[in-house]
Amino acid sequence: MDESSASGRMNHYEKGRHVPDVATLRKIAAELNVPLNFFFCEDELSAELACLIAKLDEKKKQELIELLSHRN
């Protein structure tokens, strides 16, 4: 994103005038160090979980899936 237009573009995204495409969202997510799905969470708790899960390695993610699956 060009620095000269970044502030204006971000303002439009924040106010809902424009929606960034997935490629732009990936860049923003990388800059903010959050997973892409963070932007699609409907509440703060879900967003926090998305961030924590993204930090897990594959083995820990599988263990979490198994733990949660057995609770239902």
PDB file of N, CA and C in Angstrom:
ATOM      1  N   MET A   1       0.851  -1.169   0.000  1.00  0.00           N
ATOM      2  CA  MET A   1       0.000   0.000   0.000  1.00  0.00           C
ATOM      3  C   MET A   1       0.898   1.234   0.000  1.00  0.00           C
ATOM      4  N   ASP A   2       0.667   2.105  -0.908  1.00  0.00           N
ATOM      5  CA  ASP A   2       1.455   3.321  -1.015  1.00  0.00           C
ATOM      6  C   ASP A   2       1.228   4.193   0.216  1.00  0.00           C
ATOM      7  N   GLU A   3       2.316   4.654   0.833  1.00  0.00           N
ATOM      8  CA  GLU A   3       2.212   5.437   2.063  1.00  0.00           C
ATOM      9  C   GLU A   3       1.383   6.704   1.904  1.00  0.00           C
ATOM     10  N   SER A   4       1.445   7.316   0.735  1.00  0.00           N
ATOM     11  CA  SER A   4       0.715   8.571   0.543  1.00  0.00           C
ATOM     12  C   SER A   4      -0.797   8.372   0.551  1.00  0.00           C
ATOM     13  N   SER A   5      -1.258   7.175   0.213  1.00  0.00           N
ATOM     14  CA  SER A   5      -2.701   6.922   0.195  1.00  0.00           C
ATOM     15  C   SER A   5      -3.155   6.015   1.333  1.00  0.00           C
ATOM     16  N   ALA A   6      -2.229   5.482   2.112  1.00  0.00           N
ATOM     17  CA  ALA A   6      -2.565   4.498   3.144  1.00  0.00           C
ATOM     18  C   ALA A   6      -3.539   5.041   4.175  1.00  0.00           C
ATOM     19  N   SER A   7      -3.304   6.216   4.678  1.00  0.00           N
ATOM     20  CA  SER A   7      -4.166   6.775   5.720  1.00  0.00           C
ATOM     21  C   SER A   7      -5.599   6.934   5.224  1.00  0.00           C
ATOM     22  N   GLY A   8      -5.761   7.480   4.042  1.00  0.00           N
ATOM     23  CA  GLY A   8      -7.096   7.657   3.477  1.00  0.00           C
ATOM     24  C   GLY A   8      -7.796   6.345   3.220  1.00  0.00           C
ATOM     25  N   ARG A   9      -7.055   5.361   2.697  1.00  0.00           N
ATOM     26  CA  ARG A   9      -7.645   4.049   2.424  1.00  0.00           C
ATOM     27  C   ARG A   9      -8.068   3.366   3.712  1.00  0.00           C
ATOM     28  N   MET A  10      -7.212   3.422   4.722  1.00  0.00           N
ATOM     29  CA  MET A  10      -7.544   2.804   6.006  1.00  0.00           C
ATOM     30  C   MET A  10      -8.788   3.464   6.600  1.00  0.00           C
ATOM     31  N   ASN A  11      -8.895   4.765   6.452  1.00  0.00           N
ATOM     32  CA  ASN A  11     -10.058   5.483   6.951  1.00  0.00           C
ATOM     33  C   ASN A  11     -11.326   4.998   6.263  1.00  0.00           C
ATOM     34  N   HIS A  12     -11.262   4.778   4.977  1.00  0.00           N
ATOM     35  CA  HIS A  12     -12.421   4.277   4.227  1.00  0.00           C
ATOM     36  C   HIS A  12     -12.791   2.863   4.680  1.00  0.00           C
ATOM     37  N   TYR A  13     -11.787   2.032   4.963  1.00  0.00           N
ATOM     38  CA  TYR A  13     -12.053   0.676   5.449  1.00  0.00           C
ATOM     39  C   TYR A  13     -12.712   0.739   6.827  1.00  0.00           C
ATOM     40  N   GLU A  14     -12.155   1.573   7.699  1.00  0.00           N
ATOM     41  CA  GLU A  14     -12.668   1.676   9.061  1.00  0.00           C
ATOM     42  C   GLU A  14     -14.105   2.182   9.090  1.00  0.00           C
ATOM     43  N   LYS A  15     -14.451   3.068   8.201  1.00  0.00           N
ATOM     44  CA  LYS A  15     -15.803   3.638   8.167  1.00  0.00           C
ATOM     45  C   LYS A  15     -16.773   2.811   7.337  1.00  0.00           C
ATOM     46  N   GLY A  16     -16.281   1.741   6.732  1.00  0.00           N
ATOM     47  CA  GLY A  16     -17.142   0.858   5.964  1.00  0.00           C
ATOM     48  C   GLY A  16     -17.505   1.376   4.582  1.00  0.00           C
ATOM     49  N   ARG A  17     -16.791   2.382   4.111  1.00  0.00           N
ATOM     50  CA  ARG A  17     -17.064   2.903   2.761  1.00  0.00           C
ATOM     51  C   ARG A  17     -16.544   1.963   1.689  1.00  0.00           C
ATOM     52  N   HIS A  18     -15.454   1.293   2.004  1.00  0.00           N
ATOM     53  CA  HIS A  18     -14.842   0.333   1.088  1.00  0.00           C
ATOM     54  C   HIS A  18     -14.452  -0.910   1.880  1.00  0.00           C
ATOM     55  N   VAL A  19     -14.367  -2.025   1.191  1.00  0.00           N
ATOM     56  CA  VAL A  19     -13.939  -3.276   1.807  1.00  0.00           C
ATOM     57  C   VAL A  19     -12.657  -3.710   1.113  1.00  0.00           C
ATOM     58  N   PRO A  20     -11.612  -3.982   1.901  1.00  0.00           N
ATOM     59  CA  PRO A  20     -10.363  -4.415   1.270  1.00  0.00           C
ATOM     60  C   PRO A  20     -10.504  -5.816   0.682  1.00  0.00           C
ATOM     61  N   ASP A  21      -9.768  -6.077  -0.395  1.00  0.00           N
ATOM     62  CA  ASP A  21      -9.770  -7.421  -0.961  1.00  0.00           C
ATOM     63  C   ASP A  21      -8.913  -8.332  -0.085  1.00  0.00           C
ATOM     64  N   VAL A  22      -8.969  -9.622  -0.344  1.00  0.00           N
ATOM     65  CA  VAL A  22      -8.269 -10.598   0.490  1.00  0.00           C
ATOM     66  C   VAL A  22      -6.762 -10.364   0.486  1.00  0.00           C
ATOM     67  N   ALA A  23      -6.208 -10.014  -0.645  1.00  0.00           N
ATOM     68  CA  ALA A  23      -4.764  -9.764  -0.717  1.00  0.00           C
ATOM     69  C   ALA A  23      -4.376  -8.602   0.208  1.00  0.00           C
ATOM     70  N   THR A  24      -5.188  -7.561   0.213  1.00  0.00           N
ATOM     71  CA  THR A  24      -4.917  -6.425   1.087  1.00  0.00           C
ATOM     72  C   THR A  24      -5.089  -6.818   2.548  1.00  0.00           C
ATOM     73  N   LEU A  25      -6.135  -7.591   2.833  1.00  0.00           N
ATOM     74  CA  LEU A  25      -6.333  -8.063   4.206  1.00  0.00           C
ATOM     75  C   LEU A  25      -5.154  -8.906   4.683  1.00  0.00           C
ATOM     76  N   ARG A  26      -4.613  -9.727   3.799  1.00  0.00           N
ATOM     77  CA  ARG A  26      -3.429 -10.534   4.172  1.00  0.00           C
ATOM     78  C   ARG A  26      -2.253  -9.636   4.549  1.00  0.00           C
ATOM     79  N   LYS A  27      -2.054  -8.577   3.793  1.00  0.00           N
ATOM     80  CA  LYS A  27      -0.960  -7.645   4.086  1.00  0.00           C
ATOM     81  C   LYS A  27      -1.189  -6.943   5.415  1.00  0.00           C
ATOM     82  N   ILE A  28      -2.419  -6.518   5.657  1.00  0.00           N
ATOM     83  CA  ILE A  28      -2.741  -5.848   6.925  1.00  0.00           C
ATOM     84  C   ILE A  28      -2.562  -6.826   8.082  1.00  0.00           C
ATOM     85  N   ALA A  29      -3.031  -8.070   7.904  1.00  0.00           N
ATOM     86  CA  ALA A  29      -2.884  -9.081   8.945  1.00  0.00           C
ATOM     87  C   ALA A  29      -1.414  -9.336   9.263  1.00  0.00           C
ATOM     88  N   ALA A  30      -0.601  -9.424   8.239  1.00  0.00           N
ATOM     89  CA  ALA A  30       0.838  -9.641   8.451  1.00  0.00           C
ATOM     90  C   ALA A  30       1.452  -8.471   9.208  1.00  0.00           C
ATOM     91  N   GLU A  31       1.055  -7.276   8.849  1.00  0.00           N
ATOM     92  CA  GLU A  31       1.593  -6.072   9.515  1.00  0.00           C
ATOM     93  C   GLU A  31       1.168  -6.018  10.986  1.00  0.00           C
ATOM     94  N   LEU A  32      -0.063  -6.442  11.263  1.00  0.00           N
ATOM     95  CA  LEU A  32      -0.586  -6.422  12.634  1.00  0.00           C
ATOM     96  C   LEU A  32      -0.266  -7.692  13.411  1.00  0.00           C
ATOM     97  N   ASN A  33       0.339  -8.670  12.719  1.00  0.00           N
ATOM     98  CA  ASN A  33       0.690  -9.960  13.323  1.00  0.00           C
ATOM     99  C   ASN A  33      -0.544 -10.677  13.876  1.00  0.00           C
ATOM    100  N   VAL A  34      -1.593 -10.719  13.059  1.00  0.00           N
ATOM    101  CA  VAL A  34      -2.808 -11.453  13.394  1.00  0.00           C
ATOM    102  C   VAL A  34      -3.143 -12.372  12.219  1.00  0.00           C
ATOM    103  N   PRO A  35      -3.898 -13.448  12.475  1.00  0.00           N
ATOM    104  CA  PRO A  35      -4.288 -14.316  11.361  1.00  0.00           C
ATOM    105  C   PRO A  35      -5.360 -13.635  10.509  1.00  0.00           C
ATOM    106  N   LEU A  36      -5.463 -14.056   9.277  1.00  0.00           N
ATOM    107  CA  LEU A  36      -6.443 -13.479   8.360  1.00  0.00           C
ATOM    108  C   LEU A  36      -7.865 -13.579   8.910  1.00  0.00           C
ATOM    109  N   ASN A  37      -8.201 -14.718   9.524  1.00  0.00           N
ATOM    110  CA  ASN A  37      -9.568 -14.891  10.021  1.00  0.00           C
ATOM    111  C   ASN A  37      -9.913 -13.941  11.167  1.00  0.00           C
ATOM    112  N   PHE A  38      -8.938 -13.286  11.743  1.00  0.00           N
ATOM    113  CA  PHE A  38      -9.167 -12.274  12.781  1.00  0.00           C
ATOM    114  C   PHE A  38     -10.176 -11.231  12.315  1.00  0.00           C
ATOM    115  N   PHE A  39     -10.096 -10.855  11.052  1.00  0.00           N
ATOM    116  CA  PHE A  39     -10.955  -9.796  10.521  1.00  0.00           C
ATOM    117  C   PHE A  39     -12.403 -10.238  10.340  1.00  0.00           C
ATOM    118  N   PHE A  40     -12.655 -11.523  10.440  1.00  0.00           N
ATOM    119  CA  PHE A  40     -14.001 -12.041  10.237  1.00  0.00           C
ATOM    120  C   PHE A  40     -14.663 -12.495  11.529  1.00  0.00           C
ATOM    121  N   CYS A  41     -13.988 -12.285  12.651  1.00  0.00           N
ATOM    122  CA  CYS A  41     -14.562 -12.642  13.949  1.00  0.00           C
ATOM    123  C   CYS A  41     -15.645 -11.642  14.325  1.00  0.00           C
ATOM    124  N   GLU A  42     -16.702 -12.161  14.920  1.00  0.00           N
ATOM    125  CA  GLU A  42     -17.842 -11.317  15.252  1.00  0.00           C
ATOM    126  C   GLU A  42     -17.766 -10.689  16.628  1.00  0.00           C
ATOM    127  N   ASP A  43     -16.820 -11.139  17.464  1.00  0.00           N
ATOM    128  CA  ASP A  43     -16.687 -10.551  18.795  1.00  0.00           C
ATOM    129  C   ASP A  43     -15.226 -10.627  19.249  1.00  0.00           C
ATOM    130  N   GLU A  44     -14.936  -9.930  20.320  1.00  0.00           N
ATOM    131  CA  GLU A  44     -13.554  -9.852  20.826  1.00  0.00           C
ATOM    132  C   GLU A  44     -13.026 -11.213  21.284  1.00  0.00           C
ATOM    133  N   LEU A  45     -13.884 -11.999  21.911  1.00  0.00           N
ATOM    134  CA  LEU A  45     -13.452 -13.304  22.409  1.00  0.00           C
ATOM    135  C   LEU A  45     -13.048 -14.224  21.258  1.00  0.00           C
ATOM    136  N   SER A  46     -13.844 -14.237  20.215  1.00  0.00           N
ATOM    137  CA  SER A  46     -13.510 -15.036  19.032  1.00  0.00           C
ATOM    138  C   SER A  46     -12.214 -14.556  18.389  1.00  0.00           C
ATOM    139  N   ALA A  47     -12.021 -13.257  18.344  1.00  0.00           N
ATOM    140  CA  ALA A  47     -10.790 -12.693  17.775  1.00  0.00           C
ATOM    141  C   ALA A  47      -9.575 -13.096  18.605  1.00  0.00           C
ATOM    142  N   GLU A  48      -9.734 -13.067  19.921  1.00  0.00           N
ATOM    143  CA  GLU A  48      -8.629 -13.473  20.793  1.00  0.00           C
ATOM    144  C   GLU A  48      -8.308 -14.954  20.597  1.00  0.00           C
ATOM    145  N   LEU A  49      -9.342 -15.780  20.499  1.00  0.00           N
ATOM    146  CA  LEU A  49      -9.129 -17.207  20.254  1.00  0.00           C
ATOM    147  C   LEU A  49      -8.431 -17.438  18.920  1.00  0.00           C
ATOM    148  N   ALA A  50      -8.847 -16.719  17.892  1.00  0.00           N
ATOM    149  CA  ALA A  50      -8.217 -16.863  16.570  1.00  0.00           C
ATOM    150  C   ALA A  50      -6.723 -16.569  16.657  1.00  0.00           C
ATOM    151  N   CYS A  51      -6.364 -15.530  17.386  1.00  0.00           N
ATOM    152  CA  CYS A  51      -4.946 -15.169  17.529  1.00  0.00           C
ATOM    153  C   CYS A  51      -4.178 -16.244  18.300  1.00  0.00           C
ATOM    154  N   LEU A  52      -4.767 -16.740  19.367  1.00  0.00           N
ATOM    155  CA  LEU A  52      -4.090 -17.773  20.158  1.00  0.00           C
ATOM    156  C   LEU A  52      -3.937 -19.074  19.381  1.00  0.00           C
ATOM    157  N   ILE A  53      -4.972 -19.471  18.676  1.00  0.00           N
ATOM    158  CA  ILE A  53      -4.915 -20.709  17.893  1.00  0.00           C
ATOM    159  C   ILE A  53      -3.879 -20.597  16.781  1.00  0.00           C
ATOM    160  N   ALA A  54      -3.790 -19.443  16.159  1.00  0.00           N
ATOM    161  CA  ALA A  54      -2.832 -19.252  15.068  1.00  0.00           C
ATOM    162  C   ALA A  54      -1.383 -19.431  15.533  1.00  0.00           C
ATOM    163  N   LYS A  55      -1.136 -19.212  16.802  1.00  0.00           N
ATOM    164  CA  LYS A  55       0.228 -19.334  17.342  1.00  0.00           C
ATOM    165  C   LYS A  55       0.608 -20.778  17.673  1.00  0.00           C
ATOM    166  N   LEU A  56      -0.382 -21.663  17.692  1.00  0.00           N
ATOM    167  CA  LEU A  56      -0.106 -23.069  18.016  1.00  0.00           C
ATOM    168  C   LEU A  56       0.532 -23.790  16.833  1.00  0.00           C
ATOM    169  N   ASP A  57       1.383 -24.762  17.140  1.00  0.00           N
ATOM    170  CA  ASP A  57       1.907 -25.602  16.062  1.00  0.00           C
ATOM    171  C   ASP A  57       0.831 -26.615  15.669  1.00  0.00           C
ATOM    172  N   GLU A  58       1.059 -27.339  14.597  1.00  0.00           N
ATOM    173  CA  GLU A  58       0.045 -28.250  14.068  1.00  0.00           C
ATOM    174  C   GLU A  58      -0.353 -29.330  15.084  1.00  0.00           C
ATOM    175  N   LYS A  59       0.603 -29.830  15.828  1.00  0.00           N
ATOM    176  CA  LYS A  59       0.307 -30.863  16.818  1.00  0.00           C
ATOM    177  C   LYS A  59      -0.623 -30.318  17.895  1.00  0.00           C
ATOM    178  N   LYS A  60      -0.341 -29.142  18.384  1.00  0.00           N
ATOM    179  CA  LYS A  60      -1.179 -28.533  19.426  1.00  0.00           C
ATOM    180  C   LYS A  60      -2.564 -28.197  18.886  1.00  0.00           C
ATOM    181  N   LYS A  61      -2.651 -27.782  17.634  1.00  0.00           N
ATOM    182  CA  LYS A  61      -3.965 -27.518  17.033  1.00  0.00           C
ATOM    183  C   LYS A  61      -4.781 -28.799  16.987  1.00  0.00           C
ATOM    184  N   GLN A  62      -4.152 -29.904  16.584  1.00  0.00           N
ATOM    185  CA  GLN A  62      -4.853 -31.193  16.529  1.00  0.00           C
ATOM    186  C   GLN A  62      -5.300 -31.614  17.922  1.00  0.00           C
ATOM    187  N   GLU A  63      -4.458 -31.413  18.925  1.00  0.00           N
ATOM    188  CA  GLU A  63      -4.819 -31.748  20.300  1.00  0.00           C
ATOM    189  C   GLU A  63      -6.018 -30.919  20.764  1.00  0.00           C
ATOM    190  N   LEU A  64      -6.041 -29.660  20.397  1.00  0.00           N
ATOM    191  CA  LEU A  64      -7.154 -28.785  20.759  1.00  0.00           C
ATOM    192  C   LEU A  64      -8.445 -29.245  20.080  1.00  0.00           C
ATOM    193  N   ILE A  65      -8.356 -29.614  18.823  1.00  0.00           N
ATOM    194  CA  ILE A  65      -9.527 -30.131  18.100  1.00  0.00           C
ATOM    195  C   ILE A  65     -10.070 -31.376  18.804  1.00  0.00           C
ATOM    196  N   GLU A  66      -9.185 -32.275  19.168  1.00  0.00           N
ATOM    197  CA  GLU A  66      -9.608 -33.498  19.840  1.00  0.00           C
ATOM    198  C   GLU A  66     -10.229 -33.181  21.197  1.00  0.00           C
ATOM    199  N   LEU A  67      -9.641 -32.293  21.943  1.00  0.00           N
ATOM    200  CA  LEU A  67     -10.175 -31.910  23.256  1.00  0.00           C
ATOM    201  C   LEU A  67     -11.570 -31.313  23.118  1.00  0.00           C
ATOM    202  N   LEU A  68     -11.723 -30.391  22.181  1.00  0.00           N
ATOM    203  CA  LEU A  68     -13.023 -29.746  21.996  1.00  0.00           C
ATOM    204  C   LEU A  68     -14.061 -30.696  21.409  1.00  0.00           C
ATOM    205  N   SER A  69     -13.647 -31.602  20.565  1.00  0.00           N
ATOM    206  CA  SER A  69     -14.566 -32.566  19.966  1.00  0.00           C
ATOM    207  C   SER A  69     -15.160 -33.510  21.006  1.00  0.00           C
ATOM    208  N   HIS A  70     -14.381 -33.852  21.995  1.00  0.00           N
ATOM    209  CA  HIS A  70     -14.837 -34.794  23.026  1.00  0.00           C
ATOM    210  C   HIS A  70     -15.741 -34.116  24.064  1.00  0.00           C
ATOM    211  N   ARG A  71     -15.825 -32.807  24.034  1.00  0.00           N
ATOM    212  CA  ARG A  71     -16.653 -32.099  25.003  1.00  0.00           C
ATOM    213  C   ARG A  71     -18.105 -32.034  24.565  1.00  0.00           C
ATOM    214  N   ASN A  72     -18.394 -32.359  23.328  1.00  0.00           N
ATOM    215  CA  ASN A  72     -19.775 -32.272  22.828  1.00  0.00           C
ATOM    216  C   ASN A  72     -20.521 -33.539  23.024  1.00  0.00           C
TER     217      ASN A  72
END
